[in-house]
């Protein structure tokens, strides 16, 4: 997006609802835009599923009309038709890193906060249109 100087649009939840419900509600907001996006990146695979389901109901084809990407690479991503493209995170590594950071903090309570960047992997499946 940076290379092509594209501007992102963030859709946030206005009230507490399930991730799937949020995806379905977001689809209506996306489809009501004057200039429709060509791609959507969801905060997780459940939101992507809700988007996909609602887009289908509105006659919008994924990926022909809108490419869709999730985040987490849950097993359910493979059950969608077409299978969901997603960002794979390594949950075990996240858990190990969090535990190490917690133990560091317990042993050194005055140390400054730190952050870690862990690797991810983009898994391209059927919901991303080939350009």
Protein backbone atom coordinates (compact mmCIF):
# COMPACT_ATOMS: atom_id res chain seq x y z
CA UNK A 1 0.00 0.00 0.00
CA UNK A 2 2.90 2.35 0.76
CA UNK A 3 4.50 1.64 -2.61
CA UNK A 4 1.27 2.49 -4.45
CA UNK A 5 0.49 5.39 -2.09
CA UNK A 6 -2.86 3.87 -1.17
CA UNK A 7 -4.74 5.13 1.85
CA UNK A 8 -6.17 2.64 4.31
CA UNK A 9 -9.57 2.97 5.96
CA UNK A 10 -9.99 1.63 9.48
CA UNK A 11 -13.34 0.24 10.63
CA UNK A 12 -13.66 -0.18 14.38
CA UNK A 13 -16.31 -1.77 16.58
CA UNK A 14 -18.83 0.63 18.09
CA UNK A 15 -20.23 -1.83 20.60
CA UNK A 16 -19.31 -5.24 21.92
CA UNK A 17 -20.29 -8.03 19.58
CA UNK A 18 -18.78 -11.28 18.35
CA UNK A 19 -16.01 -11.14 15.80
CA UNK A 20 -18.23 -12.80 13.18
CA UNK A 21 -21.01 -10.25 13.83
CA UNK A 22 -18.48 -7.42 13.57
CA UNK A 23 -17.34 -8.79 10.20
CA UNK A 24 -20.93 -8.92 8.95
CA UNK A 25 -21.65 -5.38 10.13
CA UNK A 26 -18.40 -4.15 8.58
CA UNK A 27 -19.36 -5.65 5.23
CA UNK A 28 -22.41 -3.40 5.06
CA UNK A 29 -20.24 -0.36 5.81
CA UNK A 30 -17.70 -1.42 3.17
CA UNK A 31 -20.37 -1.97 0.52
CA UNK A 32 -22.02 1.39 1.23
CA UNK A 33 -18.82 3.33 0.40
CA UNK A 34 -18.90 5.40 -2.77
CA UNK A 35 -15.56 4.02 -3.87
CA UNK A 36 -15.45 0.37 -2.87
CA UNK A 37 -12.15 -1.11 -1.78
CA UNK A 38 -10.55 -3.84 -3.85
CA UNK A 39 -9.16 -5.59 -0.77
CA UNK A 40 -9.91 -5.96 2.93
CA UNK A 41 -7.55 -7.12 5.68
CA UNK A 42 -9.47 -8.30 8.74
CA UNK A 43 -8.14 -8.21 12.28
CA UNK A 44 -8.60 -11.97 12.61
CA UNK A 45 -10.00 -14.95 10.71
CA UNK A 46 -13.37 -14.80 12.47
CA UNK A 47 -13.93 -11.22 11.32
CA UNK A 48 -12.87 -12.27 7.82
CA UNK A 49 -15.41 -15.11 7.94
CA UNK A 50 -18.22 -12.72 8.90
CA UNK A 51 -17.18 -10.37 6.10
CA UNK A 52 -17.05 -13.22 3.58
CA UNK A 53 -20.48 -14.49 4.60
CA UNK A 54 -22.09 -11.07 4.39
CA UNK A 55 -20.37 -10.18 1.11
CA UNK A 56 -21.73 -13.41 -0.40
CA UNK A 57 -25.25 -12.55 0.77
CA UNK A 58 -24.94 -9.15 -0.96
CA UNK A 59 -23.81 -10.75 -4.23
CA UNK A 60 -20.21 -9.57 -3.89
CA UNK A 61 -17.74 -12.21 -5.04
CA UNK A 62 -14.52 -12.96 -3.16
CA UNK A 63 -11.91 -12.57 -4.64
CA UNK A 64 -13.29 -11.36 -7.98
CA UNK A 65 -14.84 -8.17 -6.53
CA UNK A 66 -12.95 -7.85 -3.23
CA UNK A 67 -9.86 -9.72 -2.04
CA UNK A 68 -10.06 -10.79 1.61
CA UNK A 69 -7.27 -11.57 4.08
CA UNK A 70 -7.62 -12.75 7.67
CA UNK A 71 -5.13 -12.97 10.51
CA UNK A 72 -4.23 -16.00 12.70
CA UNK A 73 -4.51 -18.90 10.22
CA UNK A 74 -7.11 -20.79 12.20
CA UNK A 75 -8.05 -24.25 10.96
CA UNK A 76 -11.48 -22.94 9.95
CA UNK A 77 -9.82 -20.75 7.30
CA UNK A 78 -9.48 -23.88 5.15
CA UNK A 79 -13.21 -24.63 5.42
CA UNK A 80 -14.28 -21.45 3.62
CA UNK A 81 -14.98 -21.60 -0.11
CA UNK A 82 -12.62 -20.38 -1.41
CA UNK A 83 -10.15 -21.04 1.43
CA UNK A 84 -9.16 -17.89 3.31
CA UNK A 85 -5.83 -16.17 2.65
CA UNK A 86 -4.44 -15.20 6.02
CA UNK A 87 -1.43 -14.17 8.06
CA UNK A 88 -0.08 -17.13 9.99
CA UNK A 89 1.17 -16.41 13.48
CA UNK A 90 3.16 -18.89 15.51
CA UNK A 91 1.09 -19.10 18.68
CA UNK A 92 3.55 -21.27 20.58
CA UNK A 93 6.31 -18.73 19.99
CA UNK A 94 4.00 -15.92 21.12
CA UNK A 95 3.21 -17.85 24.32
CA UNK A 96 6.87 -18.59 25.02
CA UNK A 97 7.89 -15.00 24.41
CA UNK A 98 5.11 -13.67 26.66
CA UNK A 99 6.14 -16.05 29.44
CA UNK A 100 9.80 -14.98 29.15
CA UNK A 101 8.78 -11.32 29.26
CA UNK A 102 6.58 -11.93 32.30
CA UNK A 103 9.38 -13.72 34.14
CA UNK A 104 11.82 -10.92 33.24
CA UNK A 105 9.35 -8.41 34.63
CA UNK A 106 8.83 -10.40 37.84
CA UNK A 107 12.59 -10.69 38.41
CA UNK A 108 13.27 -7.04 37.46
CA UNK A 109 10.14 -5.02 38.32
CA UNK A 110 11.81 -1.66 37.66
CA UNK A 111 13.07 -2.47 34.19
CA UNK A 112 11.57 -0.49 31.35
CA UNK A 113 8.86 -2.04 29.24
CA UNK A 114 10.00 -3.75 26.08
CA UNK A 115 8.33 -5.09 23.00
CA UNK A 116 9.15 -7.95 20.67
CA UNK A 117 8.44 -8.36 16.98
CA UNK A 118 7.80 -11.96 16.04
CA UNK A 119 7.80 -13.36 12.52
CA UNK A 120 4.58 -14.03 10.62
CA UNK A 121 3.87 -15.68 7.29
CA UNK A 122 1.43 -14.60 4.57
CA UNK A 123 -0.49 -17.69 3.43
CA UNK A 124 -2.07 -17.03 0.04
CA UNK A 125 -5.11 -19.16 -0.65
CA UNK A 126 -8.25 -18.54 -2.67
CA UNK A 127 -9.56 -15.21 -1.34
CA UNK A 128 -6.87 -13.02 -2.94
CA UNK A 129 -7.26 -12.12 -6.59
CA UNK A 130 -4.24 -12.58 -8.83
CA UNK A 131 -3.11 -9.28 -10.36
